[in-house]
PDB file of N, CA and C in Angstrom:
ATOM      1  N   MET A   1      60.591  18.307 -26.158  1.00  0.00           N
ATOM      2  CA  MET A   1      59.651  19.812 -25.964  1.00  0.00           C
ATOM      3  C   MET A   1      58.327  19.084 -25.962  1.00  0.00           C
ATOM      4  N   ALA A   2      57.577  19.646 -25.140  1.00  0.00           N
ATOM      5  CA  ALA A   2      56.333  19.251 -25.695  1.00  0.00           C
ATOM      6  C   ALA A   2      55.646  19.917 -26.709  1.00  0.00           C
ATOM      7  N   LYS A   3      54.758  19.863 -27.259  1.00  0.00           N
ATOM      8  CA  LYS A   3      54.079  20.669 -28.521  1.00  0.00           C
ATOM      9  C   LYS A   3      52.757  21.155 -27.992  1.00  0.00           C
ATOM     10  N   THR A   4      52.485  22.531 -28.598  1.00  0.00           N
ATOM     11  CA  THR A   4      51.551  22.786 -28.059  1.00  0.00           C
ATOM     12  C   THR A   4      50.391  23.430 -29.545  1.00  0.00           C
ATOM     13  N   ARG A   5      49.248  23.289 -29.614  1.00  0.00           N
ATOM     14  CA  ARG A   5      48.621  23.773 -30.569  1.00  0.00           C
ATOM     15  C   ARG A   5      48.324  24.875 -30.627  1.00  0.00           C
ATOM     16  N   ILE A   6      48.559  25.753 -31.794  1.00  0.00           N
ATOM     17  CA  ILE A   6      48.077  26.883 -32.069  1.00  0.00           C
ATOM     18  C   ILE A   6      47.371  27.439 -32.886  1.00  0.00           C
ATOM     19  N   SER A   7      46.842  28.448 -33.184  1.00  0.00           N
ATOM     20  CA  SER A   7      45.812  28.813 -34.340  1.00  0.00           C
ATOM     21  C   SER A   7      46.476  30.157 -34.365  1.00  0.00           C
ATOM     22  N   ILE A   8      46.639  30.576 -35.898  1.00  0.00           N
ATOM     23  CA  ILE A   8      47.038  31.703 -36.381  1.00  0.00           C
ATOM     24  C   ILE A   8      46.393  32.328 -37.645  1.00  0.00           C
ATOM     25  N   THR A   9      46.233  33.659 -37.391  1.00  0.00           N
ATOM     26  CA  THR A   9      45.560  34.086 -38.931  1.00  0.00           C
ATOM     27  C   THR A   9      46.615  35.009 -39.474  1.00  0.00           C
ATOM     28  N   ILE A  10      46.819  35.054 -40.866  1.00  0.00           N
ATOM     29  CA  ILE A  10      47.737  35.721 -41.772  1.00  0.00           C
ATOM     30  C   ILE A  10      47.044  36.440 -42.951  1.00  0.00           C
ATOM     31  N   ASP A  11      47.233  37.196 -43.225  1.00  0.00           N
ATOM     32  CA  ASP A  11      46.760  38.167 -44.547  1.00  0.00           C
ATOM     33  C   ASP A  11      47.106  37.075 -45.722  1.00  0.00           C
ATOM     34  N   ASP A  12      46.393  37.324 -46.835  1.00  0.00           N
ATOM     35  CA  ASP A  12      46.567  37.189 -47.997  1.00  0.00           C
ATOM     36  C   ASP A  12      47.648  36.643 -48.707  1.00  0.00           C
ATOM     37  N   LYS A  13      48.711  38.219 -48.780  1.00  0.00           N
ATOM     38  CA  LYS A  13      49.788  38.123 -49.428  1.00  0.00           C
ATOM     39  C   LYS A  13      51.074  36.986 -48.517  1.00  0.00           C
ATOM     40  N   THR A  14      50.676  37.123 -47.279  1.00  0.00           N
ATOM     41  CA  THR A  14      51.684  36.136 -46.569  1.00  0.00           C
ATOM     42  C   THR A  14      51.249  34.620 -46.821  1.00  0.00           C
ATOM     43  N   ALA A  15      50.242  34.356 -46.738  1.00  0.00           N
ATOM     44  CA  ALA A  15      49.594  33.073 -47.208  1.00  0.00           C
ATOM     45  C   ALA A  15      50.079  32.651 -48.447  1.00  0.00           C
ATOM     46  N   LYS A  16      49.809  33.464 -49.445  1.00  0.00           N
ATOM     47  CA  LYS A  16      50.565  32.925 -50.920  1.00  0.00           C
ATOM     48  C   LYS A  16      52.124  33.004 -51.071  1.00  0.00           C
ATOM     49  N   GLU A  17      52.645  33.714 -50.001  1.00  0.00           N
ATOM     50  CA  GLU A  17      54.129  33.923 -49.830  1.00  0.00           C
ATOM     51  C   GLU A  17      54.500  32.382 -49.501  1.00  0.00           C
ATOM     52  N   ILE A  18      54.022  32.190 -48.153  1.00  0.00           N
ATOM     53  CA  ILE A  18      54.103  30.669 -47.920  1.00  0.00           C
ATOM     54  C   ILE A  18      53.870  29.289 -48.630  1.00  0.00           C
ATOM     55  N   GLU A  19      52.567  29.759 -49.322  1.00  0.00           N
ATOM     56  CA  GLU A  19      52.140  28.793 -50.162  1.00  0.00           C
ATOM     57  C   GLU A  19      53.313  28.387 -51.224  1.00  0.00           C
ATOM     58  N   LEU A  20      53.987  29.443 -51.752  1.00  0.00           N
ATOM     59  CA  LEU A  20      54.918  29.736 -52.935  1.00  0.00           C
ATOM     60  C   LEU A  20      56.557  28.911 -52.205  1.00  0.00           C
ATOM     61  N   TYR A  21      56.693  29.146 -50.937  1.00  0.00           N
ATOM     62  CA  TYR A  21      57.822  28.535 -50.571  1.00  0.00           C
ATOM     63  C   TYR A  21      57.496  27.440 -50.293  1.00  0.00           C
ATOM     64  N   TYR A  22      56.556  26.815 -49.902  1.00  0.00           N
ATOM     65  CA  TYR A  22      56.271  25.331 -49.624  1.00  0.00           C
ATOM     66  C   TYR A  22      56.257  24.771 -50.971  1.00  0.00           C
ATOM     67  N   ARG A  23      55.891  24.768 -52.183  1.00  0.00           N
ATOM     68  CA  ARG A  23      55.828  24.804 -53.218  1.00  0.00           C
ATOM     69  C   ARG A  23      57.320  24.224 -54.012  1.00  0.00           C
ATOM     70  N   GLU A  24      57.994  25.411 -53.422  1.00  0.00           N
ATOM     71  CA  GLU A  24      59.532  25.571 -53.909  1.00  0.00           C
ATOM     72  C   GLU A  24      59.991  24.364 -53.282  1.00  0.00           C
ATOM     73  N   LYS A  25      59.867  24.175 -51.900  1.00  0.00           N
ATOM     74  CA  LYS A  25      60.538  23.195 -51.245  1.00  0.00           C
ATOM     75  C   LYS A  25      59.809  21.610 -51.611  1.00  0.00           C
ATOM     76  N   VAL A  26      58.993  21.103 -52.161  1.00  0.00           N
ATOM     77  CA  VAL A  26      58.294  20.145 -52.896  1.00  0.00           C
ATOM     78  C   VAL A  26      59.118  19.661 -54.205  1.00  0.00           C
ATOM     79  N   LYS A  27      59.063  21.048 -54.637  1.00  0.00           N
ATOM     80  CA  LYS A  27      59.925  20.978 -55.967  1.00  0.00           C
ATOM     81  C   LYS A  27      61.159  20.411 -56.057  1.00  0.00           C
ATOM     82  N   ILE A  28      61.871  20.973 -54.888  1.00  0.00           N
ATOM     83  CA  ILE A  28      63.220  20.452 -54.787  1.00  0.00           C
ATOM     84  C   ILE A  28      63.410  19.158 -54.344  1.00  0.00           C
ATOM     85  N   ALA A  29      62.646  18.878 -53.661  1.00  0.00           N
ATOM     86  CA  ALA A  29      62.275  17.286 -52.854  1.00  0.00           C
ATOM     87  C   ALA A  29      61.872  16.295 -53.784  1.00  0.00           C
ATOM     88  N   ALA A  30      61.254  16.476 -54.956  1.00  0.00           N
ATOM     89  CA  ALA A  30      60.830  15.989 -55.692  1.00  0.00           C
ATOM     90  C   ALA A  30      61.896  15.442 -57.053  1.00  0.00           C
ATOM     91  N   GLU A  31      62.570  16.896 -57.261  1.00  0.00           N
ATOM     92  CA  GLU A  31      63.598  16.258 -57.980  1.00  0.00           C
ATOM     93  C   GLU A  31      64.802  15.826 -57.812  1.00  0.00           C
ATOM     94  N   LYS A  32      65.188  16.168 -56.190  1.00  0.00           N
ATOM     95  CA  LYS A  32      66.132  14.953 -55.698  1.00  0.00           C
ATOM     96  C   LYS A  32      65.714  13.707 -55.275  1.00  0.00           C
ATOM     97  N   GLY A  33      64.610  13.338 -55.263  1.00  0.00           N
ATOM     98  CA  GLY A  33      63.907  12.195 -55.047  1.00  0.00           C
ATOM     99  C   GLY A  33      63.945  11.773 -53.452  1.00  0.00           C
ATOM    100  N   GLN A  34      63.778  12.971 -52.571  1.00  0.00           N
ATOM    101  CA  GLN A  34      63.617  13.133 -51.603  1.00  0.00           C
ATOM    102  C   GLN A  34      62.021  12.741 -50.939  1.00  0.00           C
ATOM    103  N   ALA A  35      61.763  12.877 -49.691  1.00  0.00           N
ATOM    104  CA  ALA A  35      60.534  12.453 -49.098  1.00  0.00           C
ATOM    105  C   ALA A  35      59.985  14.197 -49.077  1.00  0.00           C
ATOM    106  N   ILE A  36      58.755  14.168 -49.719  1.00  0.00           N
ATOM    107  CA  ILE A  36      57.819  15.460 -49.542  1.00  0.00           C
ATOM    108  C   ILE A  36      57.673  16.102 -48.315  1.00  0.00           C
ATOM    109  N   PRO A  37      58.166  17.361 -48.073  1.00  0.00           N
ATOM    110  CA  PRO A  37      57.659  17.742 -46.703  1.00  0.00           C
ATOM    111  C   PRO A  37      56.288  17.938 -46.585  1.00  0.00           C
ATOM    112  N   LYS A  38      55.854  17.722 -44.885  1.00  0.00           N
ATOM    113  CA  LYS A  38      54.591  18.030 -44.754  1.00  0.00           C
ATOM    114  C   LYS A  38      54.597  19.460 -44.172  1.00  0.00           C
ATOM    115  N   LEU A  39      53.442  20.242 -44.488  1.00  0.00           N
ATOM    116  CA  LEU A  39      52.923  21.554 -44.637  1.00  0.00           C
ATOM    117  C   LEU A  39      52.813  21.860 -43.376  1.00  0.00           C
ATOM    118  N   SER A  40      52.808  20.985 -42.074  1.00  0.00           N
ATOM    119  CA  SER A  40      52.768  21.155 -40.801  1.00  0.00           C
ATOM    120  C   SER A  40      54.277  21.303 -40.563  1.00  0.00           C
ATOM    121  N   ASN A  41      55.024  20.728 -40.928  1.00  0.00           N
ATOM    122  CA  ASN A  41      56.708  21.105 -40.525  1.00  0.00           C
ATOM    123  C   ASN A  41      56.795  22.342 -41.099  1.00  0.00           C
ATOM    124  N   ILE A  42      56.456  22.868 -42.259  1.00  0.00           N
ATOM    125  CA  ILE A  42      56.802  23.805 -42.720  1.00  0.00           C
ATOM    126  C   ILE A  42      56.238  25.179 -41.654  1.00  0.00           C
ATOM    127  N   TYR A  43      55.211  24.820 -41.395  1.00  0.00           N
ATOM    128  CA  TYR A  43      54.723  26.024 -40.474  1.00  0.00           C
ATOM    129  C   TYR A  43      55.422  26.125 -38.829  1.00  0.00           C
ATOM    130  N   GLU A  44      56.138  24.893 -38.314  1.00  0.00           N
ATOM    131  CA  GLU A  44      56.600  24.883 -37.245  1.00  0.00           C
ATOM    132  C   GLU A  44      58.126  25.388 -37.963  1.00  0.00           C
ATOM    133  N   GLU A  45      58.633  25.252 -38.927  1.00  0.00           N
ATOM    134  CA  GLU A  45      59.712  25.939 -38.958  1.00  0.00           C
ATOM    135  C   GLU A  45      59.773  27.964 -39.762  1.00  0.00           C
ATOM    136  N   ILE A  46      58.604  27.878 -40.202  1.00  0.00           N
ATOM    137  CA  ILE A  46      58.307  29.324 -39.929  1.00  0.00           C
ATOM    138  C   ILE A  46      57.982  30.013 -38.746  1.00  0.00           C
ATOM    139  N   ILE A  47      57.631  29.082 -37.503  1.00  0.00           N
ATOM    140  CA  ILE A  47      57.257  29.608 -36.211  1.00  0.00           C
ATOM    141  C   ILE A  47      58.352  29.955 -35.324  1.00  0.00           C
ATOM    142  N   GLU A  48      59.200  28.762 -35.793  1.00  0.00           N
ATOM    143  CA  GLU A  48      60.614  28.932 -35.112  1.00  0.00           C
ATOM    144  C   GLU A  48      61.365  29.639 -35.598  1.00  0.00           C
ATOM    145  N   LYS A  49      61.560  30.285 -36.679  1.00  0.00           N
ATOM    146  CA  LYS A  49      62.503  31.180 -37.348  1.00  0.00           C
ATOM    147  C   LYS A  49      61.859  32.518 -37.410  1.00  0.00           C
ATOM    148  N   GLY A  50      60.708  32.417 -37.732  1.00  0.00           N
ATOM    149  CA  GLY A  50      60.031  33.604 -37.946  1.00  0.00           C
ATOM    150  C   GLY A  50      59.909  33.741 -39.610  1.00  0.00           C
ATOM    151  N   TRP A  51      58.569  34.572 -39.930  1.00  0.00           N
ATOM    152  CA  TRP A  51      58.790  34.797 -41.557  1.00  0.00           C
ATOM    153  C   TRP A  51      59.126  35.694 -41.919  1.00  0.00           C
ATOM    154  N   ASP A  52      60.261  35.776 -42.826  1.00  0.00           N
ATOM    155  CA  ASP A  52      60.718  36.925 -43.507  1.00  0.00           C
ATOM    156  C   ASP A  52      60.981  36.495 -44.693  1.00  0.00           C
ATOM    157  N   LYS A  53      61.202  37.419 -45.801  1.00  0.00           N
ATOM    158  CA  LYS A  53      61.658  36.920 -47.360  1.00  0.00           C
ATOM    159  C   LYS A  53      63.198  36.454 -47.059  1.00  0.00           C
ATOM    160  N   SER A  54      63.984  36.734 -46.227  1.00  0.00           N
ATOM    161  CA  SER A  54      65.006  36.063 -46.341  1.00  0.00           C
ATOM    162  C   SER A  54      65.022  34.588 -46.172  1.00  0.00           C
ATOM    163  N   LEU A  55      64.049  33.915 -45.206  1.00  0.00           N
ATOM    164  CA  LEU A  55      63.678  32.563 -44.956  1.00  0.00           C
ATOM    165  C   LEU A  55      63.567  31.610 -46.176  1.00  0.00           C
ATOM    166  N   LYS A  56      62.983  32.315 -47.219  1.00  0.00           N
ATOM    167  CA  LYS A  56      62.790  31.862 -48.561  1.00  0.00           C
ATOM    168  C   LYS A  56      64.374  31.010 -49.340  1.00  0.00           C
ATOM    169  N   LYS A  57      65.237  32.168 -49.016  1.00  0.00           N
ATOM    170  CA  LYS A  57      66.590  31.799 -49.610  1.00  0.00           C
ATOM    171  C   LYS A  57      67.333  31.045 -49.282  1.00  0.00           C
ATOM    172  N   LYS A  58      67.141  30.443 -47.627  1.00  0.00           N
ATOM    173  CA  LYS A  58      67.398  29.825 -46.904  1.00  0.00           C
ATOM    174  C   LYS A  58      67.889  28.162 -47.360  1.00  0.00           C
TER     175      LYS A  58
END
């Protein structure tokens, strides 16, 4: 699949939620000795699945 560059604007609350979600992913990866996920991959995941508070629990 071809990749397309996009630009989005999000509110402060959503940005903080995404940042906390990313930090949790980094923490889990560090504890397990895995590679730290790239922030761009996190945003791709959010775009594919949509941002919902339930996403954080998966």
